[in-house]
Amino acid sequence: MYEAWSRVRDNLWPVLQQSVAAALSWWIAGNVFDHHVPLFAPIATLVALNTPVGGRGTNAVRVISGVVAGVVVGQLAFHFLGQGDAAVGAAVLCALLVALLLDGQRITMAQAAVGAVISVAAGAQAGIDRVQDALLGAGVALVFSQLLFPPHPLALLRRAETATLKGLGRALELTARALEESAEEREAQPWEESRPVHTLLNDLGGTRSDAIAVARRTPHWRSRQEPVHQEIAATRYLDLLGNSCLTLIRGAAALDTVHRQTLAPTVRGLSGVLEALAAAPGSHAVFRHAVRRTLDIVRGAPDTGSALPVAVWESVRLVAADILVFAGADANEAERAVHDGSTDITTTARSNPRRQPARPRRRRWRGSPLP
């Protein structure tokens, strides 16, 4: 029940936007274009907006390109082949091939195929109406997504960072529990802990692409791209951190019982650091605390012994170094710190576009009054 309510709460605002935009598309299509049954305009709006916030503008463009391609192909098929099975089949095939040439996205292909079928089945006027509806519906979607309610690229990135950090922390926590289990209790394979990590990293990459598109195309963000690029650079270190965690999980599973028990507290400590970072995305104070805590965790990690335990502890240092770099430390300094046992290193705060520059104070004239 809690998960269901959380879904409703988190998606209520986008759903309200879709409802209002669909109603507006229906009204414009019925009163401006005078369509008797203006079905496709609100449908195009809903299809364009029914995607994560950062990708709505791109989705709208794909709807338009798919519909136009499908209608053009369908009109050609109707002109040369008429209305029949062969015409529909040929139109759909050619429309899908054109959509593949355009961008190959599923939504573009679907819209192209539907547009082709409608054009063949209903004739020329229906195809023209379909294009008008698509332009109208996607136009309304663009107004809502780019002008009235533009997405905040930093918010998109930090939500993705939070999800990724939580997932990585959860994976390391499950690994620590597995390390503490006896040989008889071990059932889960390390891939059970690592499986969600791959999905999170893939989603993070998609969000990064959406944030780049928003920063380039949204008028509000075109002149404020520097903090976005800083955050994007930070998310790339999360990719490295995710791979480091996967390497650690895989190596830890191969240890014997004695080394597993020794490693478990360290893995759990790193998990706690990731959870703390996830709880306060973008907070420089939390970053500094995470840096100190990470250095405390890896200080004194053994670097001698048999080959496998040494390799696993090197994976621990790699995870720690990636955490430090994500928190704002220099990569070379972080590498030295996790090996040399440094107590503290310098971190750089990321700029915040919402913070307004301080107004210059007026300087009082202390000399003689002017005549």
Protein backbone atom coordinates (compact mmCIF):
# COMPACT_ATOMS: atom_id res chain seq x y z
CA MET A 1 0.00 0.00 0.00
CA TYR A 2 2.83 2.39 0.86
CA GLU A 3 4.52 1.74 -2.49
CA ALA A 4 1.26 2.39 -4.34
CA TRP A 5 0.72 5.68 -2.50
CA SER A 6 4.34 6.68 -3.18
CA ARG A 7 3.80 6.12 -6.91
CA VAL A 8 0.69 8.29 -6.86
CA ARG A 9 2.40 11.03 -4.84
CA ASP A 10 5.53 11.11 -7.00
CA ASN A 11 3.62 11.16 -10.30
CA LEU A 12 0.58 13.25 -9.42
CA TRP A 13 1.94 16.51 -10.89
CA PRO A 14 2.97 15.00 -14.27
CA VAL A 15 -0.39 13.21 -14.47
CA LEU A 16 -2.26 16.46 -13.86
CA GLN A 17 -0.21 18.11 -16.60
CA GLN A 18 -1.08 15.33 -19.03
CA SER A 19 -4.80 15.62 -18.22
CA VAL A 20 -4.93 19.39 -18.73
CA ALA A 21 -2.81 19.21 -21.89
CA ALA A 22 -5.01 16.48 -23.39
CA ALA A 23 -8.15 18.49 -22.68
CA LEU A 24 -6.57 21.58 -24.25
CA SER A 25 -5.60 19.60 -27.38
CA TRP A 26 -9.14 18.26 -27.71
CA TRP A 27 -10.61 21.76 -27.40
CA ILE A 28 -8.24 23.32 -29.96
CA ALA A 29 -8.77 20.49 -32.45
CA GLY A 30 -12.53 20.73 -32.14
CA ASN A 31 -12.83 24.51 -32.20
CA VAL A 32 -9.89 25.70 -34.31
CA PHE A 33 -9.46 22.87 -36.82
CA ASP A 34 -13.17 21.96 -36.64
CA HIS A 35 -12.57 18.21 -36.48
CA HIS A 36 -15.81 16.37 -35.84
CA VAL A 37 -14.14 13.80 -33.57
CA PRO A 38 -10.72 15.21 -32.59
CA LEU A 39 -9.29 11.97 -31.25
CA PHE A 40 -5.70 12.06 -32.42
CA ALA A 41 -4.69 15.47 -31.05
CA PRO A 42 -5.11 14.54 -27.36
CA ILE A 43 -3.69 11.10 -28.08
CA ALA A 44 -0.56 12.67 -29.56
CA THR A 45 -0.28 14.93 -26.51
CA LEU A 46 -0.59 12.01 -24.11
CA VAL A 47 1.93 9.90 -26.02
CA ALA A 48 4.42 12.77 -26.05
CA LEU A 49 4.06 13.57 -22.34
CA ASN A 50 3.84 9.96 -21.13
CA THR A 51 7.55 9.62 -20.50
CA PRO A 52 9.99 10.68 -17.76
CA VAL A 53 10.10 14.45 -17.37
CA GLY A 54 13.43 15.05 -19.05
CA GLY A 55 12.45 13.24 -22.25
CA ARG A 56 9.05 14.78 -22.98
CA GLY A 57 10.29 17.33 -25.52
CA THR A 58 12.24 14.69 -27.41
CA ASN A 59 9.19 12.42 -27.30
CA ALA A 60 7.04 15.12 -28.87
CA VAL A 61 9.48 15.54 -31.76
CA ARG A 62 9.48 11.77 -32.29
CA VAL A 63 5.69 11.71 -32.41
CA ILE A 64 5.65 14.38 -35.12
CA SER A 65 8.38 12.77 -37.22
CA GLY A 66 6.77 9.33 -36.96
CA VAL A 67 3.31 10.54 -37.92
CA VAL A 68 4.54 12.61 -40.86
CA ALA A 69 6.65 9.74 -42.16
CA GLY A 70 3.75 7.28 -41.81
CA VAL A 71 1.22 9.53 -43.48
CA VAL A 72 3.49 10.29 -46.42
CA VAL A 73 4.24 6.62 -46.97
CA GLY A 74 0.57 5.71 -46.50
CA GLN A 75 -0.55 8.29 -49.04
CA LEU A 76 1.90 6.90 -51.59
CA ALA A 77 0.71 3.35 -50.93
CA PHE A 78 -2.94 4.45 -51.23
CA HIS A 79 -2.22 6.25 -54.51
CA PHE A 80 -0.42 3.33 -56.16
CA LEU A 81 -2.00 0.27 -54.50
CA GLY A 82 -5.40 1.48 -53.36
CA GLN A 83 -7.08 0.08 -50.24
CA GLY A 84 -6.30 -3.53 -49.56
CA ASP A 85 -4.15 -6.03 -47.71
CA ALA A 86 -1.15 -5.49 -49.93
CA ALA A 87 -1.37 -1.71 -49.57
CA VAL A 88 -1.53 -1.88 -45.76
CA GLY A 89 1.34 -4.36 -45.55
CA ALA A 90 3.54 -2.39 -47.94
CA ALA A 91 2.74 0.91 -46.21
CA VAL A 92 3.56 -0.43 -42.74
CA LEU A 93 6.80 -2.03 -43.96
CA CYS A 94 7.99 1.12 -45.69
CA ALA A 95 6.89 3.36 -42.79
CA LEU A 96 8.84 1.24 -40.30
CA LEU A 97 11.92 1.31 -42.51
CA VAL A 98 11.70 5.10 -42.78
CA ALA A 99 11.33 5.36 -38.99
CA LEU A 100 14.42 3.19 -38.59
CA LEU A 101 16.31 5.57 -40.85
CA LEU A 102 15.10 8.58 -38.83
CA ASP A 103 16.09 7.44 -35.34
CA GLY A 104 14.98 3.84 -34.77
CA GLN A 105 13.08 4.66 -31.57
CA ARG A 106 10.05 2.53 -30.74
CA ILE A 107 7.71 5.48 -30.41
CA THR A 108 8.72 6.84 -33.82
CA MET A 109 8.19 3.43 -35.40
CA ALA A 110 4.80 2.97 -33.75
CA GLN A 111 3.54 6.38 -34.83
CA ALA A 112 4.81 5.85 -38.36
CA ALA A 113 3.07 2.48 -38.65
CA VAL A 114 -0.22 3.79 -37.25
CA GLY A 115 -0.11 6.82 -39.54
CA ALA A 116 0.47 4.58 -42.54
CA VAL A 117 -2.45 2.29 -41.67
CA ILE A 118 -4.82 5.24 -41.15
CA SER A 119 -3.78 6.86 -44.44
CA VAL A 120 -4.39 3.68 -46.43
CA ALA A 121 -7.62 2.75 -44.65
CA ALA A 122 -9.31 6.17 -44.53
CA GLY A 123 -7.93 7.97 -47.55
CA ALA A 124 -6.19 11.24 -48.22
CA GLN A 125 -8.21 13.57 -46.00
CA ALA A 126 -7.77 11.34 -42.97
CA GLY A 127 -4.03 11.42 -43.47
CA ILE A 128 -4.02 15.22 -43.60
CA ASP A 129 -6.16 15.39 -40.46
CA ARG A 130 -3.80 12.97 -38.75
CA VAL A 131 -0.82 15.22 -39.51
CA GLN A 132 -2.70 18.27 -38.23
CA ASP A 133 -3.64 16.46 -35.05
CA ALA A 134 -0.08 15.25 -34.53
CA LEU A 135 1.32 18.74 -35.00
CA LEU A 136 -1.29 20.17 -32.66
CA GLY A 137 -0.93 17.49 -30.00
CA ALA A 138 2.84 17.51 -30.04
CA GLY A 139 2.85 21.31 -30.11
CA VAL A 140 0.73 21.44 -26.95
CA ALA A 141 3.09 18.90 -25.37
CA LEU A 142 6.10 21.06 -26.26
CA VAL A 143 4.45 24.15 -24.76
CA PHE A 144 3.79 22.28 -21.52
CA SER A 145 7.18 20.57 -21.34
CA GLN A 146 9.46 23.35 -22.57
CA LEU A 147 7.73 26.65 -21.74
CA LEU A 148 5.13 26.28 -19.01
CA PHE A 149 6.71 23.49 -16.95
CA PRO A 150 10.31 23.05 -18.11
CA PRO A 151 12.22 20.30 -16.32
CA HIS A 152 15.05 21.18 -13.96
CA PRO A 153 18.11 19.30 -15.28
CA LEU A 154 19.90 19.39 -11.93
CA ALA A 155 16.84 17.95 -10.21
CA LEU A 156 16.69 15.18 -12.84
CA LEU A 157 20.36 14.34 -12.35
CA ARG A 158 20.22 14.40 -8.57
CA ARG A 159 17.15 12.18 -8.45
CA ALA A 160 19.02 9.71 -10.63
CA GLU A 161 22.10 10.06 -8.41
CA THR A 162 19.99 9.36 -5.33
CA ALA A 163 18.47 6.24 -6.89
CA THR A 164 21.89 5.00 -8.02
CA LEU A 165 23.58 5.65 -4.67
CA LYS A 166 20.73 3.94 -2.81
CA GLY A 167 20.95 0.96 -5.12
CA LEU A 168 24.72 0.67 -4.75
CA GLY A 169 24.44 1.02 -0.98
CA ARG A 170 21.79 -1.69 -0.91
CA ALA A 171 23.95 -4.00 -3.02
CA LEU A 172 26.93 -3.54 -0.69
CA GLU A 173 24.74 -4.07 2.37
CA LEU A 174 23.46 -7.35 0.94
CA THR A 175 27.04 -8.31 0.16
CA ALA A 176 28.08 -7.58 3.75
CA ARG A 177 25.26 -9.80 5.03
CA ALA A 178 26.33 -12.59 2.68
CA LEU A 179 29.92 -12.26 3.90
CA GLU A 180 28.76 -12.76 7.49
CA GLU A 181 26.80 -15.91 6.70
CA SER A 182 28.22 -19.33 7.29
CA ALA A 183 28.91 -21.72 4.43
CA GLU A 184 25.68 -23.60 5.19
CA GLU A 185 23.59 -20.42 5.06
CA ARG A 186 24.91 -19.17 1.75
CA GLU A 187 22.37 -19.57 -1.00
CA ALA A 188 22.24 -16.34 -2.99
CA GLN A 189 24.80 -15.82 -5.71
CA PRO A 190 26.61 -12.46 -5.94
CA TRP A 191 24.63 -11.73 -9.10
CA GLU A 192 21.49 -11.36 -6.98
CA GLU A 193 23.08 -8.30 -5.35
CA SER A 194 24.57 -6.94 -8.57
CA ARG A 195 21.58 -7.38 -10.90
CA PRO A 196 19.79 -4.10 -9.94
CA VAL A 197 23.06 -2.17 -10.31
CA HIS A 198 23.12 -2.69 -14.07
CA THR A 199 19.58 -1.30 -14.40
CA LEU A 200 20.41 1.72 -12.23
CA LEU A 201 23.50 2.56 -14.26
CA ASN A 202 21.54 2.25 -17.49
CA ASP A 203 18.82 4.57 -16.12
CA LEU A 204 21.49 7.01 -15.00
CA GLY A 205 22.88 7.16 -18.52
CA GLY A 206 19.41 7.84 -19.91
CA THR A 207 18.83 10.65 -17.41
CA ARG A 208 22.20 12.15 -18.31
CA SER A 209 21.18 12.28 -21.98
CA ASP A 210 17.84 13.86 -21.03
CA ALA A 211 19.56 16.50 -18.89
CA ILE A 212 21.92 17.40 -21.73
CA ALA A 213 18.95 17.80 -24.10
CA VAL A 214 17.06 19.94 -21.59
CA ALA A 215 20.04 22.22 -21.01
CA ARG A 216 20.50 22.73 -24.74
CA ARG A 217 16.89 23.12 -25.84
CA THR A 218 15.07 24.77 -22.94
CA PRO A 219 15.33 28.58 -23.17
CA HIS A 220 15.66 28.94 -19.40
CA TRP A 221 18.77 26.75 -19.26
CA ARG A 222 20.67 27.70 -22.41
CA SER A 223 22.65 30.38 -20.60
CA ARG A 224 23.04 28.39 -17.37
CA GLN A 225 24.68 25.18 -18.53
CA GLU A 226 27.85 25.23 -16.41
CA PRO A 227 26.35 23.70 -13.22
CA VAL A 228 24.55 21.13 -15.35
CA HIS A 229 27.81 20.08 -16.99
CA GLN A 230 29.46 19.86 -13.55
CA GLU A 231 26.72 17.55 -12.33
CA ILE A 232 26.91 15.48 -15.50
CA ALA A 233 30.64 15.02 -14.93
CA ALA A 234 29.88 13.86 -11.39
CA THR A 235 27.39 11.27 -12.65
CA ARG A 236 30.09 9.80 -14.88
CA TYR A 237 32.05 9.00 -11.72
CA LEU A 238 28.96 7.18 -10.50
CA ASP A 239 29.33 4.92 -13.54
CA LEU A 240 32.88 4.15 -12.41
CA LEU A 241 31.70 3.69 -8.83
CA GLY A 242 29.05 1.22 -9.97
CA ASN A 243 31.62 -0.83 -11.85
CA SER A 244 33.95 -0.73 -8.83
CA CYS A 245 31.15 -2.02 -6.60
CA LEU A 246 30.43 -4.84 -9.03
CA THR A 247 34.10 -5.82 -9.00
CA LEU A 248 34.12 -5.78 -5.20
CA ILE A 249 30.95 -7.89 -4.98
CA ARG A 250 32.35 -10.46 -7.36
CA GLY A 251 35.71 -10.69 -5.58
CA ALA A 252 34.18 -10.83 -2.11
CA ALA A 253 32.07 -13.85 -3.05
CA ALA A 254 35.22 -15.86 -3.79
CA LEU A 255 36.88 -15.32 -0.39
CA ASP A 256 37.19 -18.00 2.25
CA THR A 257 35.31 -17.76 5.55
CA VAL A 258 38.06 -16.03 7.54
CA HIS A 259 38.64 -13.27 5.01
CA ARG A 260 34.90 -12.85 4.46
CA GLN A 261 34.34 -12.12 8.14
CA THR A 262 37.18 -9.57 8.11
CA LEU A 263 35.88 -7.79 5.03
CA ALA A 264 32.20 -7.58 6.04
CA PRO A 265 32.45 -4.50 8.35
CA THR A 266 34.35 -2.56 5.69
CA VAL A 267 31.77 -3.32 3.01
CA ARG A 268 28.98 -2.35 5.39
CA GLY A 269 30.77 0.91 6.20
CA LEU A 270 31.03 1.79 2.52
CA SER A 271 27.35 0.99 2.17
CA GLY A 272 26.57 3.47 4.93
CA VAL A 273 28.57 6.18 3.17
CA LEU A 274 26.58 5.66 -0.03
CA GLU A 275 23.30 5.83 1.89
CA ALA A 276 24.38 9.11 3.48
CA LEU A 277 25.27 10.57 0.09
CA ALA A 278 21.91 9.46 -1.30
CA ALA A 279 20.04 11.17 1.54
CA ALA A 280 21.44 14.64 0.75
CA PRO A 281 22.31 14.97 -2.96
CA GLY A 282 24.47 17.97 -3.78
CA SER A 283 25.24 18.86 -0.14
CA HIS A 284 28.87 19.91 0.21
CA ALA A 285 28.77 19.36 3.99
CA VAL A 286 27.63 15.77 3.45
CA PHE A 287 30.32 15.32 0.80
CA ARG A 288 33.02 16.41 3.25
CA HIS A 289 31.68 14.10 5.94
CA ALA A 290 31.55 11.23 3.44
CA VAL A 291 35.17 11.86 2.47
CA ARG A 292 36.37 11.71 6.10
CA ARG A 293 34.29 8.64 6.84
CA THR A 294 35.49 6.83 3.72
CA LEU A 295 39.14 7.52 4.57
CA ASP A 296 38.55 6.20 8.09
CA ILE A 297 37.01 3.01 6.70
CA VAL A 298 39.85 2.14 4.32
CA ARG A 299 42.69 3.27 6.58
CA GLY A 300 44.79 0.28 7.49
CA ALA A 301 43.44 -1.97 4.77
CA PRO A 302 45.93 -4.81 4.27
CA ASP A 303 48.06 -4.81 1.15
CA THR A 304 50.04 -7.99 1.75
CA GLY A 305 49.04 -11.63 1.87
CA SER A 306 47.66 -14.13 -0.61
CA ALA A 307 46.71 -12.90 -4.03
CA LEU A 308 42.90 -13.05 -3.85
CA PRO A 309 42.39 -11.17 -0.55
CA VAL A 310 44.87 -8.50 -1.66
CA ALA A 311 42.98 -8.08 -4.94
CA VAL A 312 39.66 -7.76 -3.08
CA TRP A 313 41.07 -5.12 -0.73
CA GLU A 314 42.35 -3.27 -3.77
CA SER A 315 38.76 -3.31 -5.03
CA VAL A 316 37.75 -1.77 -1.69
CA ARG A 317 40.25 1.04 -2.26
CA LEU A 318 38.93 1.50 -5.79
CA VAL A 319 35.37 1.91 -4.46
CA ALA A 320 36.63 4.35 -1.84
CA ALA A 321 38.56 6.41 -4.40
CA ASP A 322 35.50 6.64 -6.66
CA ILE A 323 33.40 7.82 -3.70
CA LEU A 324 35.96 10.52 -2.94
CA VAL A 325 36.03 11.74 -6.54
CA PHE A 326 32.23 11.82 -6.71
CA ALA A 327 32.26 13.90 -3.51
CA GLY A 328 34.49 16.49 -5.16
CA ALA A 329 38.05 15.30 -4.55
CA ASP A 330 40.76 15.36 -7.18
CA ALA A 331 41.21 11.93 -8.76
CA ASN A 332 44.98 11.75 -8.21
CA GLU A 333 44.69 13.01 -4.65
CA ALA A 334 41.95 10.49 -3.92
CA GLU A 335 44.08 7.66 -5.29
CA ARG A 336 46.99 8.66 -3.06
CA ALA A 337 44.76 9.13 -0.02
CA VAL A 338 43.23 5.65 -0.04
CA HIS A 339 46.68 4.08 -0.31
CA ASP A 340 48.66 6.38 2.00
CA GLY A 341 46.13 6.58 4.80
CA SER A 342 45.54 10.35 4.62
CA THR A 343 43.14 11.77 7.18
CA ASP A 344 41.59 14.44 5.01
CA ILE A 345 41.69 15.79 1.47
CA THR A 346 40.33 18.86 -0.29
CA THR A 347 36.93 18.75 -1.92
CA THR A 348 35.49 21.22 -4.41
CA ALA A 349 31.91 22.40 -4.02
CA ARG A 350 29.68 22.29 -7.08
CA SER A 351 28.04 25.52 -8.12
CA ASN A 352 24.38 26.05 -7.36
CA PRO A 353 22.41 28.00 -10.01
CA ARG A 354 19.64 28.76 -7.54
CA ARG A 355 21.98 30.68 -5.29
CA GLN A 356 21.90 34.34 -6.20
CA PRO A 357 25.13 36.32 -6.16
CA ALA A 358 25.50 38.68 -3.24
CA ARG A 359 24.64 42.25 -3.96
CA PRO A 360 27.57 44.61 -3.80
CA ARG A 361 27.46 46.79 -0.74
CA ARG A 362 27.41 50.52 -1.16
CA ARG A 363 30.56 52.12 0.11
CA ARG A 364 30.02 55.14 2.25
CA TRP A 365 31.97 58.29 1.36
CA ARG A 366 34.09 59.28 4.31
CA GLY A 367 35.69 62.37 2.83
CA SER A 368 34.42 65.92 2.62
CA PRO A 369 30.91 66.42 1.31
CA LEU A 370 30.70 67.32 -2.30
CA PRO A 371 29.78 70.91 -3.09
